Structure formats: C-alpha cells, structure tokens
Amino acid sequence: MENVYFKSVTVESAYPGKRQNISSVGTAVEFLLNEWPGKRGKLHGLARQACLEALDGTVSGDMARSAFLEAATEANIYVENTSWVHY
C-alpha cells in the first residue's frame, strides 16, 4: 500500500469549530473510518471504497479525492474556499 497525495480538501472535524485539511488518501481513509462527523450515506461508502482502492493502486488519487469531496459535501462538512493563515 502506498499513500497518494492530492490537493487538500478542508472539512469540519468532529470537534466543534475545528477544521481539518485532508491532503492524502491515507489521511482520507483514517478520517472516513474514525473521525467522520457527518452523515455516513451512500457517498461515504463510495469514498471509503475509492480511497482504499487508491491505496492499492487500482484507483487514481484524483478519483479518490473527488469521491471524498462528494461525500463531505453530502454530509455538509466540506469547507469551501478557505485560506489557512499561519502566524
């Protein structure tokens, strides 16, 4: 299994007011399995499957990212157009 990196997706975490940047398939799988705060609908299952297949190399990282983004949008945890400020 090889971790695949992709353009970050920002989501609301299980902790109120906290956000998390997801930028790899490995992080996405961990989030989907253990930290998902939203609805676990059909798209959640498809995202989980796509990310696991990306770790196995049978699906591209872009496809896994797209599935993760769709699931986050369905669960209303996707944070659009954010900019991270570092002090």
N, C-alpha and C. Protein backbone atom coordinates (compact mmCIF):
# COMPACT_ATOMS: atom_id res chain seq x y z
N MET A 1 0.84 -1.19 0.00
CA MET A 1 0.00 0.00 0.00
C MET A 1 0.88 1.24 0.00
N GLU A 2 0.59 2.14 -0.91
CA GLU A 2 1.33 3.38 -0.99
C GLU A 2 0.38 4.56 -0.81
N ASN A 3 0.78 5.49 0.06
CA ASN A 3 -0.05 6.67 0.27
C ASN A 3 0.06 7.58 -0.96
N VAL A 4 -1.06 8.15 -1.37
CA VAL A 4 -1.12 9.04 -2.52
C VAL A 4 -1.57 10.41 -2.04
N TYR A 5 -0.86 11.44 -2.46
CA TYR A 5 -1.20 12.80 -2.05
C TYR A 5 -2.03 13.49 -3.12
N PHE A 6 -2.90 14.41 -2.67
CA PHE A 6 -3.73 15.17 -3.59
C PHE A 6 -3.95 16.58 -3.05
N LYS A 7 -4.56 17.44 -3.87
CA LYS A 7 -4.87 18.81 -3.44
C LYS A 7 -5.78 18.75 -2.22
N SER A 8 -5.44 19.53 -1.21
CA SER A 8 -6.16 19.49 0.07
C SER A 8 -7.65 19.76 -0.06
N VAL A 9 -8.40 19.05 0.77
CA VAL A 9 -9.83 19.27 0.95
C VAL A 9 -10.01 19.63 2.42
N THR A 10 -10.64 20.76 2.70
CA THR A 10 -10.85 21.20 4.08
C THR A 10 -12.25 20.80 4.53
N VAL A 11 -12.30 20.16 5.70
CA VAL A 11 -13.58 19.69 6.24
C VAL A 11 -13.71 20.09 7.70
N GLU A 12 -14.94 20.13 8.17
CA GLU A 12 -15.21 20.31 9.59
C GLU A 12 -14.86 19.01 10.29
N SER A 13 -14.22 19.11 11.43
CA SER A 13 -13.85 17.90 12.16
C SER A 13 -14.95 17.54 13.16
N ALA A 14 -14.72 16.50 13.91
CA ALA A 14 -15.68 16.07 14.92
C ALA A 14 -15.72 17.04 16.10
N TYR A 15 -14.72 17.92 16.17
CA TYR A 15 -14.66 18.89 17.26
C TYR A 15 -15.27 20.20 16.78
N PRO A 16 -16.30 20.69 17.44
CA PRO A 16 -16.98 21.91 17.01
C PRO A 16 -16.02 23.08 16.79
N GLY A 17 -16.16 23.72 15.63
CA GLY A 17 -15.35 24.87 15.29
C GLY A 17 -13.96 24.55 14.77
N LYS A 18 -13.61 23.29 14.69
CA LYS A 18 -12.28 22.89 14.23
C LYS A 18 -12.39 22.35 12.81
N ARG A 19 -11.38 22.67 12.01
CA ARG A 19 -11.32 22.20 10.63
C ARG A 19 -10.08 21.35 10.44
N GLN A 20 -10.14 20.53 9.42
CA GLN A 20 -9.01 19.66 9.13
C GLN A 20 -8.75 19.66 7.63
N ASN A 21 -7.48 19.73 7.27
CA ASN A 21 -7.07 19.62 5.88
C ASN A 21 -6.76 18.16 5.58
N ILE A 22 -7.40 17.62 4.57
CA ILE A 22 -7.14 16.25 4.13
C ILE A 22 -6.38 16.35 2.82
N SER A 23 -5.14 15.86 2.80
CA SER A 23 -4.31 16.02 1.61
C SER A 23 -3.68 14.73 1.11
N SER A 24 -4.14 13.60 1.62
CA SER A 24 -3.64 12.31 1.13
C SER A 24 -4.71 11.25 1.27
N VAL A 25 -4.56 10.21 0.51
CA VAL A 25 -5.52 9.10 0.58
C VAL A 25 -5.47 8.44 1.95
N GLY A 26 -4.27 8.30 2.51
CA GLY A 26 -4.15 7.69 3.83
C GLY A 26 -4.88 8.48 4.90
N THR A 27 -4.74 9.80 4.87
CA THR A 27 -5.44 10.66 5.82
C THR A 27 -6.94 10.61 5.58
N ALA A 28 -7.34 10.55 4.33
CA ALA A 28 -8.77 10.48 4.00
C ALA A 28 -9.38 9.19 4.54
N VAL A 29 -8.68 8.07 4.39
CA VAL A 29 -9.20 6.79 4.90
C VAL A 29 -9.34 6.86 6.41
N GLU A 30 -8.32 7.36 7.09
CA GLU A 30 -8.37 7.49 8.55
C GLU A 30 -9.56 8.36 8.98
N PHE A 31 -9.74 9.47 8.30
CA PHE A 31 -10.85 10.38 8.61
C PHE A 31 -12.19 9.70 8.35
N LEU A 32 -12.33 9.04 7.20
CA LEU A 32 -13.58 8.37 6.85
C LEU A 32 -13.94 7.27 7.85
N LEU A 33 -12.94 6.52 8.30
CA LEU A 33 -13.21 5.38 9.19
C LEU A 33 -13.37 5.78 10.65
N ASN A 34 -12.61 6.76 11.10
CA ASN A 34 -12.55 7.02 12.55
C ASN A 34 -12.99 8.39 13.01
N GLU A 35 -13.04 9.37 12.11
CA GLU A 35 -13.29 10.74 12.56
C GLU A 35 -14.45 11.42 11.85
N TRP A 36 -15.15 10.73 11.01
CA TRP A 36 -16.21 11.33 10.19
C TRP A 36 -17.32 11.85 11.08
N PRO A 37 -17.57 13.18 11.09
CA PRO A 37 -18.59 13.73 11.97
C PRO A 37 -19.98 13.79 11.35
N GLY A 38 -20.06 13.63 10.06
CA GLY A 38 -21.32 13.81 9.35
C GLY A 38 -22.03 12.52 9.04
N LYS A 39 -23.04 12.66 8.23
CA LYS A 39 -23.86 11.54 7.78
C LYS A 39 -23.00 10.54 7.02
N ARG A 40 -23.19 9.28 7.31
CA ARG A 40 -22.48 8.21 6.61
C ARG A 40 -23.43 7.58 5.59
N GLY A 41 -23.65 8.32 4.53
CA GLY A 41 -24.56 7.87 3.49
C GLY A 41 -23.86 7.07 2.42
N LYS A 42 -24.53 6.92 1.31
CA LYS A 42 -24.02 6.14 0.19
C LYS A 42 -22.68 6.69 -0.31
N LEU A 43 -22.57 8.02 -0.39
CA LEU A 43 -21.33 8.62 -0.89
C LEU A 43 -20.17 8.41 0.06
N HIS A 44 -20.45 8.32 1.35
CA HIS A 44 -19.40 8.00 2.33
C HIS A 44 -18.81 6.63 2.02
N GLY A 45 -19.67 5.66 1.79
CA GLY A 45 -19.20 4.31 1.47
C GLY A 45 -18.42 4.26 0.17
N LEU A 46 -18.88 5.00 -0.83
CA LEU A 46 -18.17 5.05 -2.11
C LEU A 46 -16.80 5.73 -1.95
N ALA A 47 -16.74 6.77 -1.14
CA ALA A 47 -15.46 7.46 -0.88
C ALA A 47 -14.49 6.53 -0.16
N ARG A 48 -15.00 5.82 0.83
CA ARG A 48 -14.16 4.87 1.56
C ARG A 48 -13.59 3.82 0.61
N GLN A 49 -14.45 3.28 -0.25
CA GLN A 49 -14.02 2.27 -1.20
C GLN A 49 -12.98 2.85 -2.18
N ALA A 50 -13.24 4.05 -2.71
CA ALA A 50 -12.32 4.67 -3.66
C ALA A 50 -10.95 4.93 -3.01
N CYS A 51 -10.96 5.39 -1.77
CA CYS A 51 -9.69 5.67 -1.09
C CYS A 51 -8.91 4.38 -0.81
N LEU A 52 -9.59 3.35 -0.39
CA LEU A 52 -8.91 2.07 -0.16
C LEU A 52 -8.34 1.52 -1.46
N GLU A 53 -9.08 1.66 -2.55
CA GLU A 53 -8.58 1.20 -3.85
C GLU A 53 -7.41 2.06 -4.33
N ALA A 54 -7.41 3.34 -3.99
CA ALA A 54 -6.28 4.20 -4.34
C ALA A 54 -5.02 3.78 -3.59
N LEU A 55 -5.18 3.35 -2.34
CA LEU A 55 -4.03 2.85 -1.59
C LEU A 55 -3.47 1.60 -2.23
N ASP A 56 -4.34 0.79 -2.84
CA ASP A 56 -3.90 -0.42 -3.53
C ASP A 56 -3.40 -0.14 -4.94
N GLY A 57 -3.60 1.08 -5.42
CA GLY A 57 -3.12 1.45 -6.73
C GLY A 57 -4.07 1.15 -7.87
N THR A 58 -5.32 0.78 -7.57
CA THR A 58 -6.27 0.47 -8.63
C THR A 58 -7.14 1.66 -9.01
N VAL A 59 -7.08 2.73 -8.21
CA VAL A 59 -7.84 3.96 -8.48
C VAL A 59 -6.86 5.13 -8.32
N SER A 60 -7.02 6.16 -9.10
CA SER A 60 -6.13 7.32 -9.01
C SER A 60 -6.42 8.14 -7.75
N GLY A 61 -5.42 8.90 -7.33
CA GLY A 61 -5.60 9.80 -6.20
C GLY A 61 -6.64 10.85 -6.48
N ASP A 62 -6.69 11.32 -7.74
CA ASP A 62 -7.70 12.33 -8.11
C ASP A 62 -9.11 11.77 -8.00
N MET A 63 -9.29 10.51 -8.36
CA MET A 63 -10.62 9.90 -8.26
C MET A 63 -11.01 9.74 -6.79
N ALA A 64 -10.04 9.35 -5.95
CA ALA A 64 -10.31 9.20 -4.52
C ALA A 64 -10.65 10.56 -3.91
N ARG A 65 -9.91 11.60 -4.30
CA ARG A 65 -10.18 12.95 -3.80
C ARG A 65 -11.58 13.40 -4.19
N SER A 66 -11.95 13.15 -5.43
CA SER A 66 -13.27 13.54 -5.92
C SER A 66 -14.37 12.83 -5.12
N ALA A 67 -14.20 11.55 -4.87
CA ALA A 67 -15.20 10.80 -4.10
C ALA A 67 -15.27 11.31 -2.67
N PHE A 68 -14.10 11.63 -2.07
CA PHE A 68 -14.07 12.17 -0.71
C PHE A 68 -14.79 13.52 -0.66
N LEU A 69 -14.51 14.38 -1.64
CA LEU A 69 -15.13 15.69 -1.71
C LEU A 69 -16.66 15.58 -1.83
N GLU A 70 -17.13 14.67 -2.66
CA GLU A 70 -18.58 14.47 -2.81
C GLU A 70 -19.21 14.00 -1.52
N ALA A 71 -18.55 13.10 -0.82
CA ALA A 71 -19.09 12.60 0.45
C ALA A 71 -19.12 13.71 1.50
N ALA A 72 -18.06 14.52 1.55
CA ALA A 72 -18.01 15.63 2.51
C ALA A 72 -19.09 16.66 2.20
N THR A 73 -19.34 16.89 0.92
CA THR A 73 -20.39 17.83 0.53
C THR A 73 -21.76 17.29 0.93
N GLU A 74 -21.99 15.99 0.67
CA GLU A 74 -23.26 15.37 1.05
C GLU A 74 -23.50 15.46 2.56
N ALA A 75 -22.44 15.29 3.34
CA ALA A 75 -22.56 15.30 4.80
C ALA A 75 -22.53 16.72 5.37
N ASN A 76 -22.39 17.71 4.49
CA ASN A 76 -22.38 19.11 4.90
C ASN A 76 -21.22 19.44 5.83
N ILE A 77 -20.05 18.82 5.56
CA ILE A 77 -18.86 19.13 6.35
C ILE A 77 -17.75 19.74 5.50
N TYR A 78 -17.96 19.85 4.19
CA TYR A 78 -16.98 20.44 3.30
C TYR A 78 -16.92 21.94 3.53
N VAL A 79 -15.70 22.48 3.67
CA VAL A 79 -15.48 23.91 3.85
C VAL A 79 -14.89 24.44 2.55
N GLU A 80 -15.64 25.29 1.88
CA GLU A 80 -15.25 25.79 0.57
C GLU A 80 -14.44 27.07 0.68
N ASN A 81 -13.46 27.22 -0.21
CA ASN A 81 -12.69 28.46 -0.35
C ASN A 81 -12.11 28.96 0.98
N THR A 82 -11.32 28.16 1.61
CA THR A 82 -10.68 28.62 2.85
C THR A 82 -9.24 28.98 2.57
N SER A 83 -8.71 29.83 3.39
CA SER A 83 -7.29 30.13 3.34
C SER A 83 -6.75 29.97 4.76
N TRP A 84 -5.71 29.23 4.86
CA TRP A 84 -5.12 28.98 6.17
C TRP A 84 -4.11 30.09 6.46
N VAL A 85 -4.28 30.72 7.60
CA VAL A 85 -3.38 31.79 8.00
C VAL A 85 -2.44 31.24 9.05
N HIS A 86 -1.15 31.38 8.81
CA HIS A 86 -0.14 30.90 9.76
C HIS A 86 0.56 32.11 10.36
N TYR A 87 0.62 32.17 11.67
CA TYR A 87 1.28 33.28 12.37
C TYR A 87 2.58 32.81 12.94
